[in-house]
Amino acid sequence: MKDNIGLQFVDTNILGCAHDISAGRKHEIAKKLLKDLWNKRNGCLSTQILSEFYVTITKKWKDHYLLRKRHKLSQILDFGN
């Protein structure tokens, strides 16, 4: 079994800020954090966090322009460099 020491748990607020470009500096910080965790492969999520994030982007941000354009999260976070 792989040793999970060093994994960092990502909270819903981090996902939300990384997704919301209107969050200003928080958006940039969260986006960089997720990109670093992705590249180092040491971030982790739970189904609870993913459920909360889904509720946030579909209910609380239902008029948000990112949803109207239906961007994929991977495009918004731009993990590809």
Protein backbone atom coordinates (compact mmCIF):
# COMPACT_ATOMS: atom_id res chain seq x y z
CA MET A 1 0.00 0.00 0.00
CA LYS A 2 1.26 3.47 -0.87
CA ASP A 3 2.26 5.64 2.06
CA ASN A 4 -0.22 8.53 2.32
CA ILE A 5 1.95 10.71 4.54
CA GLY A 6 2.36 14.08 2.91
CA LEU A 7 -1.06 14.18 1.26
CA GLN A 8 -2.89 17.46 1.70
CA PHE A 9 -6.65 17.54 1.99
CA VAL A 10 -8.32 20.19 -0.21
CA ASP A 11 -11.28 22.03 1.30
CA THR A 12 -14.42 23.15 -0.55
CA ASN A 13 -13.43 26.81 -0.13
CA ILE A 14 -10.17 26.20 -2.00
CA LEU A 15 -12.03 24.57 -4.89
CA GLY A 16 -14.56 27.39 -4.88
CA CYS A 17 -11.96 30.15 -4.94
CA ALA A 18 -10.00 28.37 -7.66
CA HIS A 19 -13.17 28.17 -9.72
CA ASP A 20 -14.37 31.75 -9.13
CA ILE A 21 -12.23 34.20 -11.12
CA SER A 22 -14.10 37.10 -9.51
CA ALA A 23 -12.42 36.17 -6.18
CA GLY A 24 -9.34 38.19 -7.15
CA ARG A 25 -6.21 37.35 -5.20
CA LYS A 26 -7.91 34.39 -3.48
CA HIS A 27 -8.57 32.92 -6.92
CA GLU A 28 -4.91 33.20 -7.93
CA ILE A 29 -3.68 31.69 -4.65
CA ALA A 30 -6.17 28.79 -4.75
CA LYS A 31 -5.46 28.11 -8.42
CA LYS A 32 -1.71 27.98 -7.76
CA LEU A 33 -2.19 25.73 -4.73
CA LEU A 34 -4.30 23.25 -6.71
CA LYS A 35 -1.88 23.32 -9.62
CA ASP A 36 1.03 22.58 -7.26
CA LEU A 37 -0.87 19.76 -5.55
CA TRP A 38 -1.80 18.34 -8.96
CA ASN A 39 1.78 18.46 -10.25
CA LYS A 40 3.20 16.94 -7.05
CA ARG A 41 0.33 14.43 -6.88
CA ASN A 42 -0.13 15.00 -3.16
CA GLY A 43 -3.60 16.56 -2.96
CA CYS A 44 -6.69 14.62 -1.97
CA LEU A 45 -10.45 15.14 -1.95
CA SER A 46 -13.38 13.39 -0.32
CA THR A 47 -16.80 12.68 -1.74
CA GLN A 48 -18.16 15.10 0.90
CA ILE A 49 -15.98 17.92 -0.46
CA LEU A 50 -16.97 17.14 -4.05
CA SER A 51 -20.65 17.11 -3.03
CA GLU A 52 -20.31 20.47 -1.28
CA PHE A 53 -18.50 21.92 -4.28
CA TYR A 54 -21.23 20.67 -6.62
CA VAL A 55 -23.91 22.32 -4.47
CA THR A 56 -21.91 25.54 -4.38
CA ILE A 57 -21.48 25.84 -8.13
CA THR A 58 -24.97 24.66 -9.08
CA LYS A 59 -27.10 26.35 -6.42
CA LYS A 60 -25.25 29.28 -4.89
CA TRP A 61 -23.58 30.38 -8.13
CA LYS A 62 -26.39 29.45 -10.49
CA ASP A 63 -26.24 32.86 -12.19
CA HIS A 64 -22.45 32.90 -12.30
CA TYR A 65 -21.13 33.45 -15.81
CA LEU A 66 -18.80 30.45 -15.55
CA LEU A 67 -21.83 28.19 -15.31
CA ARG A 68 -23.61 29.93 -18.17
CA LYS A 69 -20.62 29.24 -20.38
CA ARG A 70 -20.37 25.68 -19.01
CA HIS A 71 -16.59 25.62 -18.75
CA LYS A 72 -14.96 22.49 -17.50
CA LEU A 73 -13.12 22.82 -14.20
CA SER A 74 -9.93 21.57 -15.82
CA GLN A 75 -10.06 24.45 -18.33
CA ILE A 76 -10.56 27.02 -15.59
CA LEU A 77 -7.69 25.67 -13.46
CA ASP A 78 -5.48 25.18 -16.54
CA PHE A 79 -3.33 22.36 -15.19
CA GLY A 80 -1.67 21.93 -18.58
CA ASN A 81 0.83 24.81 -18.05
